Amino acid sequence: MSTPANQRKLDAVEQLAVLAEKASLTLIELAVAFVINHPGVTSAIIGPRTMEQLEAFLPAADITLPADVLDRIDEIVAPGVTVNPAGNSYGDFELRADQRRR
């Protein structure tokens, strides 16, 4: 976790946590709402292991993130960017412009 690339990931998560709090959401709700409302995503795989985890995920199904929150997410992690390319276990890929949220 001490490498600069991993530190960038941690910094992004901290900024997203602050954004979620300002939007009166949990970080889980922010993340799942972002995924399920993204036009390039066909389904969200949440994988809860406990009922408590499932209950934390479910409110996100009814959340539509406002444009200012989506804009801030894009500022924190630009669309199509892998924060740490060494952590990309799926190989190189490109998120085409037509697959982006906007």
C-alpha atoms as a PDB file:
ATOM      1  CA  MET A   1       0.000   0.000   0.000  1.00  0.00           C
ATOM      2  CA  SER A   2       2.973   2.301   0.299  1.00  0.00           C
ATOM      3  CA  THR A   3       3.660   2.619  -3.431  1.00  0.00           C
ATOM      4  CA  PRO A   4       2.763   5.973  -5.008  1.00  0.00           C
ATOM      5  CA  ALA A   5       0.184   4.366  -7.325  1.00  0.00           C
ATOM      6  CA  ASN A   6      -1.582   2.671  -4.439  1.00  0.00           C
ATOM      7  CA  GLN A   7      -1.458   5.887  -2.463  1.00  0.00           C
ATOM      8  CA  ARG A   8      -3.307   7.577  -5.341  1.00  0.00           C
ATOM      9  CA  LYS A   9      -6.024   4.922  -4.956  1.00  0.00           C
ATOM     10  CA  LEU A  10      -6.302   5.604  -1.243  1.00  0.00           C
ATOM     11  CA  ASP A  11      -6.450   9.356  -1.859  1.00  0.00           C
ATOM     12  CA  ALA A  12      -9.274   8.832  -4.379  1.00  0.00           C
ATOM     13  CA  VAL A  13     -11.224   6.693  -1.909  1.00  0.00           C
ATOM     14  CA  GLU A  14     -10.846   9.336   0.788  1.00  0.00           C
ATOM     15  CA  GLN A  15     -12.128  12.024  -1.595  1.00  0.00           C
ATOM     16  CA  LEU A  16     -15.048   9.813  -2.630  1.00  0.00           C
ATOM     17  CA  ALA A  17     -15.902   9.185   1.030  1.00  0.00           C
ATOM     18  CA  VAL A  18     -16.052  12.937   1.645  1.00  0.00           C
ATOM     19  CA  LEU A  19     -18.242  13.372  -1.444  1.00  0.00           C
ATOM     20  CA  ALA A  20     -20.590  10.615  -0.260  1.00  0.00           C
ATOM     21  CA  GLU A  21     -20.889  12.228   3.154  1.00  0.00           C
ATOM     22  CA  LYS A  22     -21.670  15.634   1.614  1.00  0.00           C
ATOM     23  CA  ALA A  23     -24.370  13.963  -0.504  1.00  0.00           C
ATOM     24  CA  SER A  24     -25.817  12.286   2.631  1.00  0.00           C
ATOM     25  CA  LEU A  25     -24.901   8.849   1.305  1.00  0.00           C
ATOM     26  CA  THR A  26     -22.689   6.056   2.485  1.00  0.00           C
ATOM     27  CA  LEU A  27     -19.674   5.260   0.345  1.00  0.00           C
ATOM     28  CA  ILE A  28     -21.359   1.944  -0.547  1.00  0.00           C
ATOM     29  CA  GLU A  29     -24.496   3.764  -1.711  1.00  0.00           C
ATOM     30  CA  LEU A  30     -22.458   6.206  -3.785  1.00  0.00           C
ATOM     31  CA  ALA A  31     -20.479   3.416  -5.431  1.00  0.00           C
ATOM     32  CA  VAL A  32     -23.421   1.164  -6.231  1.00  0.00           C
ATOM     33  CA  ALA A  33     -25.624   4.044  -7.404  1.00  0.00           C
ATOM     34  CA  PHE A  34     -22.835   5.182  -9.720  1.00  0.00           C
ATOM     35  CA  VAL A  35     -22.483   1.709 -11.206  1.00  0.00           C
ATOM     36  CA  ILE A  36     -26.161   0.859 -11.662  1.00  0.00           C
ATOM     37  CA  ASN A  37     -26.936   4.212 -13.283  1.00  0.00           C
ATOM     38  CA  HIS A  38     -23.953   4.151 -15.652  1.00  0.00           C
ATOM     39  CA  PRO A  39     -25.006   3.591 -19.278  1.00  0.00           C
ATOM     40  CA  GLY A  40     -21.978   1.383 -19.929  1.00  0.00           C
ATOM     41  CA  VAL A  41     -22.899  -1.086 -17.182  1.00  0.00           C
ATOM     42  CA  THR A  42     -25.438  -3.842 -17.738  1.00  0.00           C
ATOM     43  CA  SER A  43     -25.523  -5.159 -14.164  1.00  0.00           C
ATOM     44  CA  ALA A  44     -23.889  -4.622 -10.811  1.00  0.00           C
ATOM     45  CA  ILE A  45     -22.402  -7.600  -8.992  1.00  0.00           C
ATOM     46  CA  ILE A  46     -22.479  -6.661  -5.340  1.00  0.00           C
ATOM     47  CA  GLY A  47     -21.650  -9.978  -3.628  1.00  0.00           C
ATOM     48  CA  PRO A  48     -22.743  -9.433  -0.037  1.00  0.00           C
ATOM     49  CA  ARG A  49     -21.763 -12.206   2.351  1.00  0.00           C
ATOM     50  CA  THR A  50     -24.052 -11.208   5.186  1.00  0.00           C
ATOM     51  CA  MET A  51     -27.577  -9.866   5.545  1.00  0.00           C
ATOM     52  CA  GLU A  52     -26.082  -6.674   7.006  1.00  0.00           C
ATOM     53  CA  GLN A  53     -24.005  -6.163   3.868  1.00  0.00           C
ATOM     54  CA  LEU A  54     -27.033  -6.785   1.638  1.00  0.00           C
ATOM     55  CA  GLU A  55     -29.080  -4.254   3.600  1.00  0.00           C
ATOM     56  CA  ALA A  56     -26.283  -1.694   3.142  1.00  0.00           C
ATOM     57  CA  PHE A  57     -26.344  -2.183  -0.639  1.00  0.00           C
ATOM     58  CA  LEU A  58     -30.105  -2.142  -1.264  1.00  0.00           C
ATOM     59  CA  PRO A  59     -30.832   1.602  -0.785  1.00  0.00           C
ATOM     60  CA  ALA A  60     -28.572   2.368  -3.753  1.00  0.00           C
ATOM     61  CA  ALA A  61     -31.143   0.844  -6.116  1.00  0.00           C
ATOM     62  CA  ASP A  62     -33.356   3.893  -5.580  1.00  0.00           C
ATOM     63  CA  ILE A  63     -30.645   6.554  -5.782  1.00  0.00           C
ATOM     64  CA  THR A  64     -30.052   8.705  -8.844  1.00  0.00           C
ATOM     65  CA  LEU A  65     -26.912  10.759  -8.433  1.00  0.00           C
ATOM     66  CA  PRO A  66     -27.253  14.440  -9.367  1.00  0.00           C
ATOM     67  CA  ALA A  67     -25.036  15.958 -12.057  1.00  0.00           C
ATOM     68  CA  ASP A  68     -22.845  17.836  -9.564  1.00  0.00           C
ATOM     69  CA  VAL A  69     -22.010  14.595  -7.733  1.00  0.00           C
ATOM     70  CA  LEU A  70     -21.268  12.813 -11.023  1.00  0.00           C
ATOM     71  CA  ASP A  71     -19.067  15.732 -12.095  1.00  0.00           C
ATOM     72  CA  ARG A  72     -17.112  15.515  -8.834  1.00  0.00           C
ATOM     73  CA  ILE A  73     -16.637  11.757  -9.272  1.00  0.00           C
ATOM     74  CA  ASP A  74     -15.228  12.468 -12.748  1.00  0.00           C
ATOM     75  CA  GLU A  75     -12.848  15.025 -11.227  1.00  0.00           C
ATOM     76  CA  ILE A  76     -11.618  12.532  -8.636  1.00  0.00           C
ATOM     77  CA  VAL A  77     -11.144   9.700 -11.141  1.00  0.00           C
ATOM     78  CA  ALA A  78     -11.450  10.713 -14.770  1.00  0.00           C
ATOM     79  CA  PRO A  79     -13.588   8.436 -16.963  1.00  0.00           C
ATOM     80  CA  GLY A  80     -11.603   5.635 -18.551  1.00  0.00           C
ATOM     81  CA  VAL A  81      -8.604   6.060 -16.246  1.00  0.00           C
ATOM     82  CA  THR A  82      -7.022   3.248 -14.287  1.00  0.00           C
ATOM     83  CA  VAL A  83      -5.594   4.850 -11.159  1.00  0.00           C
ATOM     84  CA  ASN A  84      -2.917   2.167 -10.833  1.00  0.00           C
ATOM     85  CA  PRO A  85      -2.325   0.345 -14.141  1.00  0.00           C
ATOM     86  CA  ALA A  86      -0.308  -2.321 -12.307  1.00  0.00           C
ATOM     87  CA  GLY A  87      -3.485  -3.253 -10.449  1.00  0.00           C
ATOM     88  CA  ASN A  88      -5.445  -3.828 -13.661  1.00  0.00           C
ATOM     89  CA  SER A  89      -5.875  -7.589 -13.651  1.00  0.00           C
ATOM     90  CA  TYR A  90      -8.033  -7.516 -16.782  1.00  0.00           C
ATOM     91  CA  GLY A  91      -5.281  -6.354 -19.106  1.00  0.00           C
ATOM     92  CA  ASP A  92      -5.186  -3.226 -21.200  1.00  0.00           C
ATOM     93  CA  PHE A  93      -8.483  -1.854 -22.390  1.00  0.00           C
ATOM     94  CA  GLU A  94      -9.913   1.438 -23.437  1.00  0.00           C
ATOM     95  CA  LEU A  95     -13.221   2.891 -22.353  1.00  0.00           C
ATOM     96  CA  ARG A  96     -14.518   4.307 -25.620  1.00  0.00           C
ATOM     97  CA  ALA A  97     -16.174   7.711 -25.553  1.00  0.00           C
ATOM     98  CA  ASP A  98     -19.540   6.187 -26.519  1.00  0.00           C
ATOM     99  CA  GLN A  99     -19.375   3.950 -23.444  1.00  0.00           C
ATOM    100  CA  ARG A 100     -18.800   6.790 -21.020  1.00  0.00           C
ATOM    101  CA  ARG A 101     -21.501   8.401 -18.946  1.00  0.00           C
ATOM    102  CA  ARG A 102     -21.254  11.546 -21.045  1.00  0.00           C
END
